[in-house]
Amino acid sequence: ALLRAWATNDQVNQYLLAHLSDEAWRAAPPGGRGRTAAAIVAHMHAVRGMWLKAAGAPVPAPLDKEAATRAEAGHALGESHRALAAVLG
């Protein structure tokens, strides 16, 4: 059940990335406080890397929150998803 939920999470993340506009990807958050969508995805990937490191597993390359494209972010999230699925499985 855990691995199915983890796979569903990845599918939702990939769907959101695929359907988010380029403008929304870099848009400042409402009120000017918080993170852009790009920074949120980079943070998610970094936290996954932290858990992989704690598990003694290889850690994928970090994602640059300022320069990463949606395609690069999708690839990075896919890598960290698969790496954590292997640890969980």
N, C-alpha and C. Protein backbone atom coordinates (compact mmCIF):
# COMPACT_ATOMS: atom_id res chain seq x y z
N ALA A 1 0.83 -1.19 0.00
CA ALA A 1 0.00 0.00 0.00
C ALA A 1 0.87 1.26 0.00
N LEU A 2 1.97 1.21 0.74
CA LEU A 2 2.86 2.38 0.80
C LEU A 2 3.45 2.68 -0.57
N LEU A 3 3.90 1.66 -1.27
CA LEU A 3 4.50 1.87 -2.59
C LEU A 3 3.47 2.34 -3.61
N ARG A 4 2.23 1.89 -3.49
CA ARG A 4 1.16 2.37 -4.39
C ARG A 4 0.88 3.84 -4.12
N ALA A 5 0.83 4.23 -2.85
CA ALA A 5 0.60 5.63 -2.50
C ALA A 5 1.77 6.50 -2.99
N TRP A 6 2.99 5.99 -2.86
CA TRP A 6 4.17 6.73 -3.32
C TRP A 6 4.12 6.90 -4.84
N ALA A 7 3.69 5.87 -5.55
CA ALA A 7 3.56 5.96 -7.01
C ALA A 7 2.49 6.95 -7.41
N THR A 8 1.39 6.96 -6.68
CA THR A 8 0.32 7.93 -6.96
C THR A 8 0.81 9.34 -6.73
N ASN A 9 1.58 9.56 -5.67
CA ASN A 9 2.15 10.87 -5.39
C ASN A 9 3.00 11.34 -6.57
N ASP A 10 3.83 10.45 -7.10
CA ASP A 10 4.67 10.81 -8.24
C ASP A 10 3.83 11.13 -9.46
N GLN A 11 2.79 10.37 -9.70
CA GLN A 11 1.92 10.63 -10.85
C GLN A 11 1.28 12.02 -10.75
N VAL A 12 0.84 12.38 -9.56
CA VAL A 12 0.22 13.69 -9.36
C VAL A 12 1.25 14.80 -9.56
N ASN A 13 2.44 14.62 -8.99
CA ASN A 13 3.49 15.63 -9.18
C ASN A 13 3.83 15.80 -10.66
N GLN A 14 3.99 14.70 -11.38
CA GLN A 14 4.33 14.78 -12.80
C GLN A 14 3.19 15.42 -13.60
N TYR A 15 1.95 15.11 -13.24
CA TYR A 15 0.80 15.71 -13.91
C TYR A 15 0.80 17.23 -13.71
N LEU A 16 1.02 17.65 -12.47
CA LEU A 16 1.04 19.09 -12.19
C LEU A 16 2.15 19.80 -12.96
N LEU A 17 3.32 19.20 -13.00
CA LEU A 17 4.42 19.80 -13.76
C LEU A 17 4.09 19.90 -15.24
N ALA A 18 3.48 18.88 -15.78
CA ALA A 18 3.15 18.86 -17.20
C ALA A 18 2.08 19.89 -17.57
N HIS A 19 1.23 20.24 -16.63
CA HIS A 19 0.11 21.13 -16.93
C HIS A 19 0.26 22.54 -16.36
N LEU A 20 1.36 22.79 -15.69
CA LEU A 20 1.62 24.12 -15.15
C LEU A 20 2.18 24.99 -16.27
N SER A 21 1.72 26.21 -16.37
CA SER A 21 2.26 27.10 -17.40
C SER A 21 3.65 27.57 -17.01
N ASP A 22 4.42 27.99 -18.00
CA ASP A 22 5.76 28.53 -17.73
C ASP A 22 5.68 29.76 -16.84
N GLU A 23 4.64 30.55 -17.05
CA GLU A 23 4.46 31.76 -16.23
C GLU A 23 4.23 31.39 -14.76
N ALA A 24 3.40 30.38 -14.53
CA ALA A 24 3.11 29.95 -13.16
C ALA A 24 4.33 29.32 -12.51
N TRP A 25 5.18 28.68 -13.30
CA TRP A 25 6.37 28.01 -12.79
C TRP A 25 7.28 28.99 -12.06
N ARG A 26 7.39 30.20 -12.58
CA ARG A 26 8.29 31.21 -12.01
C ARG A 26 7.57 32.35 -11.29
N ALA A 27 6.26 32.31 -11.25
CA ALA A 27 5.49 33.42 -10.68
C ALA A 27 5.79 33.60 -9.19
N ALA A 28 5.88 34.85 -8.80
CA ALA A 28 6.04 35.15 -7.37
C ALA A 28 4.78 34.72 -6.64
N PRO A 29 4.95 34.22 -5.43
CA PRO A 29 3.75 33.80 -4.68
C PRO A 29 2.89 35.00 -4.30
N PRO A 30 1.61 34.78 -4.11
CA PRO A 30 0.71 35.88 -3.72
C PRO A 30 1.22 36.56 -2.45
N GLY A 31 1.20 37.86 -2.46
CA GLY A 31 1.66 38.61 -1.30
C GLY A 31 3.17 38.71 -1.21
N GLY A 32 3.87 38.09 -2.17
CA GLY A 32 5.32 38.17 -2.20
C GLY A 32 6.04 37.33 -1.16
N ARG A 33 5.32 36.54 -0.42
CA ARG A 33 5.93 35.68 0.61
C ARG A 33 5.80 34.23 0.20
N GLY A 34 6.83 33.46 0.49
CA GLY A 34 6.80 32.04 0.17
C GLY A 34 7.71 31.73 -0.99
N ARG A 35 7.49 30.58 -1.59
CA ARG A 35 8.35 30.08 -2.66
C ARG A 35 7.60 30.03 -3.99
N THR A 36 8.36 30.13 -5.06
CA THR A 36 7.79 29.88 -6.38
C THR A 36 7.52 28.39 -6.51
N ALA A 37 6.75 28.02 -7.54
CA ALA A 37 6.53 26.59 -7.79
C ALA A 37 7.86 25.89 -8.04
N ALA A 38 8.76 26.55 -8.77
CA ALA A 38 10.08 25.97 -9.04
C ALA A 38 10.85 25.71 -7.74
N ALA A 39 10.78 26.65 -6.82
CA ALA A 39 11.49 26.49 -5.55
C ALA A 39 10.86 25.40 -4.69
N ILE A 40 9.55 25.26 -4.76
CA ILE A 40 8.87 24.20 -4.01
C ILE A 40 9.31 22.83 -4.51
N VAL A 41 9.36 22.66 -5.83
CA VAL A 41 9.77 21.37 -6.40
C VAL A 41 11.23 21.09 -6.07
N ALA A 42 12.08 22.11 -6.15
CA ALA A 42 13.50 21.92 -5.79
C ALA A 42 13.62 21.51 -4.32
N HIS A 43 12.81 22.10 -3.46
CA HIS A 43 12.82 21.74 -2.04
C HIS A 43 12.35 20.29 -1.84
N MET A 44 11.29 19.90 -2.53
CA MET A 44 10.81 18.51 -2.42
C MET A 44 11.92 17.53 -2.80
N HIS A 45 12.59 17.83 -3.90
CA HIS A 45 13.67 16.97 -4.37
C HIS A 45 14.81 16.94 -3.35
N ALA A 46 15.14 18.08 -2.76
CA ALA A 46 16.22 18.15 -1.77
C ALA A 46 15.87 17.34 -0.51
N VAL A 47 14.63 17.41 -0.08
CA VAL A 47 14.21 16.65 1.11
C VAL A 47 14.28 15.15 0.81
N ARG A 48 13.89 14.76 -0.39
CA ARG A 48 14.03 13.35 -0.76
C ARG A 48 15.50 12.93 -0.71
N GLY A 49 16.37 13.82 -1.19
CA GLY A 49 17.80 13.55 -1.13
C GLY A 49 18.29 13.37 0.30
N MET A 50 17.74 14.18 1.22
CA MET A 50 18.10 14.06 2.63
C MET A 50 17.73 12.68 3.16
N TRP A 51 16.53 12.19 2.80
CA TRP A 51 16.11 10.87 3.26
C TRP A 51 16.94 9.77 2.63
N LEU A 52 17.30 9.95 1.36
CA LEU A 52 18.15 8.95 0.71
C LEU A 52 19.52 8.89 1.37
N LYS A 53 20.07 10.04 1.69
CA LYS A 53 21.37 10.10 2.37
C LYS A 53 21.28 9.39 3.72
N ALA A 54 20.21 9.65 4.47
CA ALA A 54 20.02 9.03 5.78
C ALA A 54 19.92 7.51 5.66
N ALA A 55 19.37 7.04 4.53
CA ALA A 55 19.22 5.61 4.31
C ALA A 55 20.49 4.98 3.74
N GLY A 56 21.49 5.80 3.46
CA GLY A 56 22.74 5.28 2.90
C GLY A 56 22.66 4.96 1.42
N ALA A 57 21.66 5.54 0.75
CA ALA A 57 21.47 5.30 -0.68
C ALA A 57 22.10 6.45 -1.49
N PRO A 58 22.39 6.20 -2.76
CA PRO A 58 22.90 7.27 -3.61
C PRO A 58 21.90 8.42 -3.71
N VAL A 59 22.41 9.63 -3.72
CA VAL A 59 21.57 10.82 -3.76
C VAL A 59 21.66 11.44 -5.16
N PRO A 60 20.51 11.66 -5.83
CA PRO A 60 20.53 12.32 -7.13
C PRO A 60 21.05 13.76 -7.02
N ALA A 61 21.50 14.28 -8.14
CA ALA A 61 21.99 15.66 -8.18
C ALA A 61 20.89 16.63 -7.73
N PRO A 62 21.27 17.70 -7.04
CA PRO A 62 20.27 18.68 -6.61
C PRO A 62 19.67 19.42 -7.80
N LEU A 63 18.57 20.08 -7.55
CA LEU A 63 17.85 20.84 -8.57
C LEU A 63 18.02 22.33 -8.26
N ASP A 64 18.43 23.11 -9.23
CA ASP A 64 18.62 24.55 -9.05
C ASP A 64 17.27 25.24 -9.11
N LYS A 65 16.83 25.78 -7.99
CA LYS A 65 15.50 26.40 -7.91
C LYS A 65 15.37 27.63 -8.78
N GLU A 66 16.49 28.25 -9.13
CA GLU A 66 16.44 29.46 -9.94
C GLU A 66 16.49 29.17 -11.45
N ALA A 67 17.14 28.08 -11.84
CA ALA A 67 17.38 27.84 -13.26
C ALA A 67 16.65 26.63 -13.83
N ALA A 68 16.18 25.74 -12.99
CA ALA A 68 15.59 24.48 -13.48
C ALA A 68 14.32 24.74 -14.29
N THR A 69 14.21 24.01 -15.39
CA THR A 69 13.00 24.05 -16.18
C THR A 69 12.00 23.04 -15.61
N ARG A 70 10.77 23.11 -16.08
CA ARG A 70 9.77 22.13 -15.62
C ARG A 70 10.18 20.72 -16.06
N ALA A 71 10.77 20.60 -17.25
CA ALA A 71 11.22 19.28 -17.74
C ALA A 71 12.34 18.74 -16.85
N GLU A 72 13.30 19.59 -16.50
CA GLU A 72 14.39 19.16 -15.61
C GLU A 72 13.85 18.78 -14.24
N ALA A 73 12.89 19.54 -13.76
CA ALA A 73 12.28 19.24 -12.46
C ALA A 73 11.55 17.91 -12.50
N GLY A 74 10.83 17.64 -13.59
CA GLY A 74 10.14 16.37 -13.73
C GLY A 74 11.11 15.20 -13.75
N HIS A 75 12.22 15.39 -14.44
CA HIS A 75 13.24 14.35 -14.48
C HIS A 75 13.83 14.12 -13.08
N ALA A 76 14.17 15.21 -12.39
CA ALA A 76 14.76 15.11 -11.05
C ALA A 76 13.79 14.45 -10.07
N LEU A 77 12.52 14.86 -10.11
CA LEU A 77 11.54 14.24 -9.21
C LEU A 77 11.37 12.75 -9.54
N GLY A 78 11.43 12.42 -10.82
CA GLY A 78 11.35 11.01 -11.20
C GLY A 78 12.52 10.21 -10.64
N GLU A 79 13.72 10.80 -10.70
CA GLU A 79 14.90 10.13 -10.15
C GLU A 79 14.76 9.91 -8.64
N SER A 80 14.40 10.97 -7.93
CA SER A 80 14.30 10.83 -6.47
C SER A 80 13.13 9.92 -6.08
N HIS A 81 12.07 9.95 -6.88
CA HIS A 81 10.94 9.04 -6.64
C HIS A 81 11.39 7.58 -6.75
N ARG A 82 12.07 7.26 -7.85
CA ARG A 82 12.52 5.88 -8.07
C ARG A 82 13.53 5.45 -7.00
N ALA A 83 14.44 6.35 -6.62
CA ALA A 83 15.44 6.01 -5.62
C ALA A 83 14.78 5.71 -4.26
N LEU A 84 13.81 6.52 -3.88
CA LEU A 84 13.12 6.27 -2.61
C LEU A 84 12.22 5.04 -2.69
N ALA A 85 11.62 4.80 -3.85
CA ALA A 85 10.81 3.59 -4.00
C ALA A 85 11.67 2.35 -3.80
N ALA A 86 12.90 2.39 -4.30
CA ALA A 86 13.81 1.26 -4.11
C ALA A 86 14.16 1.08 -2.64
N VAL A 87 14.33 2.18 -1.92
CA VAL A 87 14.62 2.09 -0.47
C VAL A 87 13.41 1.56 0.28
N LEU A 88 12.22 2.03 -0.10
CA LEU A 88 10.99 1.62 0.59
C LEU A 88 10.60 0.18 0.26
N GLY A 89 10.94 -0.25 -0.96
CA GLY A 89 10.51 -1.56 -1.43
C GLY A 89 11.36 -2.64 -0.89
